[in-house]
Amino acid sequence: MSIEQFEAIGLWLGLGALYFFIVLAIRDVLKKSQAPKMGQFFVWLVLFLSPL
């Protein structure tokens, strides 16, 4: 494995972990705020469309 491959894999794993923790944080905030279902839907929609 070359250093470039190692860096690329590390980058994607790091970004995936960061995205996972963002999802957990948003889920916790939505649960504690008791946001309406429609509002939650739009929050998740924006979150999952953001990487595109």
N, C-alpha and C. Protein backbone atom coordinates (compact mmCIF):
# COMPACT_ATOMS: atom_id res chain seq x y z
N MET A 1 0.85 -1.17 0.00
CA MET A 1 0.00 0.00 0.00
C MET A 1 0.90 1.24 0.00
N SER A 2 0.64 2.13 -0.92
CA SER A 2 1.44 3.35 -1.02
C SER A 2 0.92 4.39 -0.02
N ILE A 3 1.72 5.40 0.18
CA ILE A 3 1.34 6.47 1.11
C ILE A 3 0.11 7.21 0.61
N GLU A 4 -0.05 7.35 -0.71
CA GLU A 4 -1.22 8.02 -1.27
C GLU A 4 -2.50 7.23 -0.99
N GLN A 5 -2.43 5.91 -1.12
CA GLN A 5 -3.58 5.08 -0.82
C GLN A 5 -3.93 5.15 0.66
N PHE A 6 -2.92 5.11 1.50
CA PHE A 6 -3.13 5.20 2.94
C PHE A 6 -3.79 6.54 3.31
N GLU A 7 -3.32 7.63 2.71
CA GLU A 7 -3.89 8.95 2.99
C GLU A 7 -5.33 9.03 2.51
N ALA A 8 -5.61 8.46 1.35
CA ALA A 8 -6.97 8.51 0.81
C ALA A 8 -7.92 7.72 1.70
N ILE A 9 -7.51 6.54 2.12
CA ILE A 9 -8.36 5.72 3.00
C ILE A 9 -8.56 6.43 4.34
N GLY A 10 -7.50 6.99 4.87
CA GLY A 10 -7.60 7.71 6.14
C GLY A 10 -8.52 8.92 6.05
N LEU A 11 -8.45 9.62 4.93
CA LEU A 11 -9.32 10.77 4.72
C LEU A 11 -10.78 10.35 4.71
N TRP A 12 -11.11 9.32 3.94
CA TRP A 12 -12.51 8.88 3.85
C TRP A 12 -13.01 8.31 5.17
N LEU A 13 -12.17 7.57 5.88
CA LEU A 13 -12.60 7.05 7.18
C LEU A 13 -12.79 8.18 8.18
N GLY A 14 -11.90 9.15 8.15
CA GLY A 14 -12.03 10.29 9.06
C GLY A 14 -13.27 11.12 8.77
N LEU A 15 -13.54 11.38 7.50
CA LEU A 15 -14.74 12.13 7.15
C LEU A 15 -16.01 11.34 7.48
N GLY A 16 -15.96 10.03 7.29
CA GLY A 16 -17.11 9.19 7.64
C GLY A 16 -17.38 9.22 9.14
N ALA A 17 -16.32 9.16 9.94
CA ALA A 17 -16.48 9.22 11.40
C ALA A 17 -17.03 10.58 11.82
N LEU A 18 -16.52 11.65 11.22
CA LEU A 18 -17.00 13.00 11.53
C LEU A 18 -18.49 13.12 11.18
N TYR A 19 -18.87 12.64 10.02
CA TYR A 19 -20.27 12.69 9.60
C TYR A 19 -21.15 11.88 10.55
N PHE A 20 -20.66 10.73 11.00
CA PHE A 20 -21.40 9.89 11.95
C PHE A 20 -21.67 10.65 13.25
N PHE A 21 -20.65 11.34 13.77
CA PHE A 21 -20.83 12.08 15.01
C PHE A 21 -21.76 13.27 14.83
N ILE A 22 -21.76 13.89 13.65
CA ILE A 22 -22.70 14.96 13.37
C ILE A 22 -24.14 14.43 13.39
N VAL A 23 -24.34 13.26 12.80
CA VAL A 23 -25.66 12.63 12.79
C VAL A 23 -26.12 12.35 14.22
N LEU A 24 -25.23 11.83 15.06
CA LEU A 24 -25.60 11.55 16.45
C LEU A 24 -25.96 12.84 17.19
N ALA A 25 -25.20 13.90 16.98
CA ALA A 25 -25.47 15.17 17.65
C ALA A 25 -26.81 15.75 17.22
N ILE A 26 -27.09 15.72 15.92
CA ILE A 26 -28.35 16.26 15.43
C ILE A 26 -29.52 15.43 15.94
N ARG A 27 -29.36 14.13 15.96
CA ARG A 27 -30.43 13.27 16.48
C ARG A 27 -30.73 13.60 17.93
N ASP A 28 -29.69 13.82 18.72
CA ASP A 28 -29.87 14.16 20.13
C ASP A 28 -30.57 15.51 20.29
N VAL A 29 -30.17 16.49 19.52
CA VAL A 29 -30.80 17.81 19.60
C VAL A 29 -32.27 17.74 19.19
N LEU A 30 -32.57 17.02 18.13
CA LEU A 30 -33.97 16.90 17.70
C LEU A 30 -34.82 16.18 18.73
N LYS A 31 -34.25 15.18 19.38
CA LYS A 31 -35.01 14.44 20.39
C LYS A 31 -35.28 15.32 21.61
N LYS A 32 -34.28 16.08 22.05
CA LYS A 32 -34.44 16.92 23.24
C LYS A 32 -35.34 18.12 22.98
N SER A 33 -35.34 18.64 21.77
CA SER A 33 -36.15 19.82 21.46
C SER A 33 -37.59 19.47 21.14
N GLN A 34 -37.88 18.21 20.94
CA GLN A 34 -39.21 17.73 20.58
C GLN A 34 -39.73 18.47 19.35
N ALA A 35 -38.89 18.54 18.35
CA ALA A 35 -39.25 19.22 17.10
C ALA A 35 -40.38 18.44 16.41
N PRO A 36 -41.23 19.15 15.67
CA PRO A 36 -42.30 18.44 14.95
C PRO A 36 -41.71 17.54 13.86
N LYS A 37 -42.49 16.55 13.49
CA LYS A 37 -42.01 15.54 12.52
C LYS A 37 -41.63 16.16 11.17
N MET A 38 -42.38 17.16 10.73
CA MET A 38 -42.08 17.78 9.45
C MET A 38 -40.74 18.52 9.53
N GLY A 39 -40.49 19.18 10.63
CA GLY A 39 -39.21 19.87 10.83
C GLY A 39 -38.05 18.88 10.86
N GLN A 40 -38.25 17.76 11.55
CA GLN A 40 -37.22 16.72 11.61
C GLN A 40 -36.92 16.18 10.22
N PHE A 41 -37.98 15.99 9.44
CA PHE A 41 -37.80 15.49 8.08
C PHE A 41 -36.90 16.40 7.26
N PHE A 42 -37.13 17.71 7.35
CA PHE A 42 -36.33 18.65 6.57
C PHE A 42 -34.89 18.73 7.08
N VAL A 43 -34.71 18.60 8.39
CA VAL A 43 -33.35 18.59 8.94
C VAL A 43 -32.58 17.40 8.38
N TRP A 44 -33.19 16.21 8.40
CA TRP A 44 -32.51 15.01 7.90
C TRP A 44 -32.32 15.08 6.39
N LEU A 45 -33.29 15.65 5.69
CA LEU A 45 -33.17 15.79 4.24
C LEU A 45 -31.97 16.66 3.88
N VAL A 46 -31.84 17.79 4.54
CA VAL A 46 -30.71 18.68 4.27
C VAL A 46 -29.40 18.00 4.66
N LEU A 47 -29.38 17.31 5.78
CA LEU A 47 -28.17 16.64 6.22
C LEU A 47 -27.70 15.59 5.21
N PHE A 48 -28.62 14.78 4.72
CA PHE A 48 -28.22 13.70 3.83
C PHE A 48 -28.01 14.16 2.38
N LEU A 49 -28.53 15.32 2.02
CA LEU A 49 -28.26 15.86 0.70
C LEU A 49 -27.00 16.71 0.67
N SER A 50 -26.47 17.06 1.82
CA SER A 50 -25.31 17.95 1.88
C SER A 50 -24.05 17.37 1.23
N PRO A 51 -23.78 16.06 1.29
CA PRO A 51 -22.57 15.57 0.63
C PRO A 51 -22.64 15.56 -0.90
N LEU A 52 -23.82 15.70 -1.44
CA LEU A 52 -23.96 15.64 -2.90
C LEU A 52 -23.42 16.83 -3.54
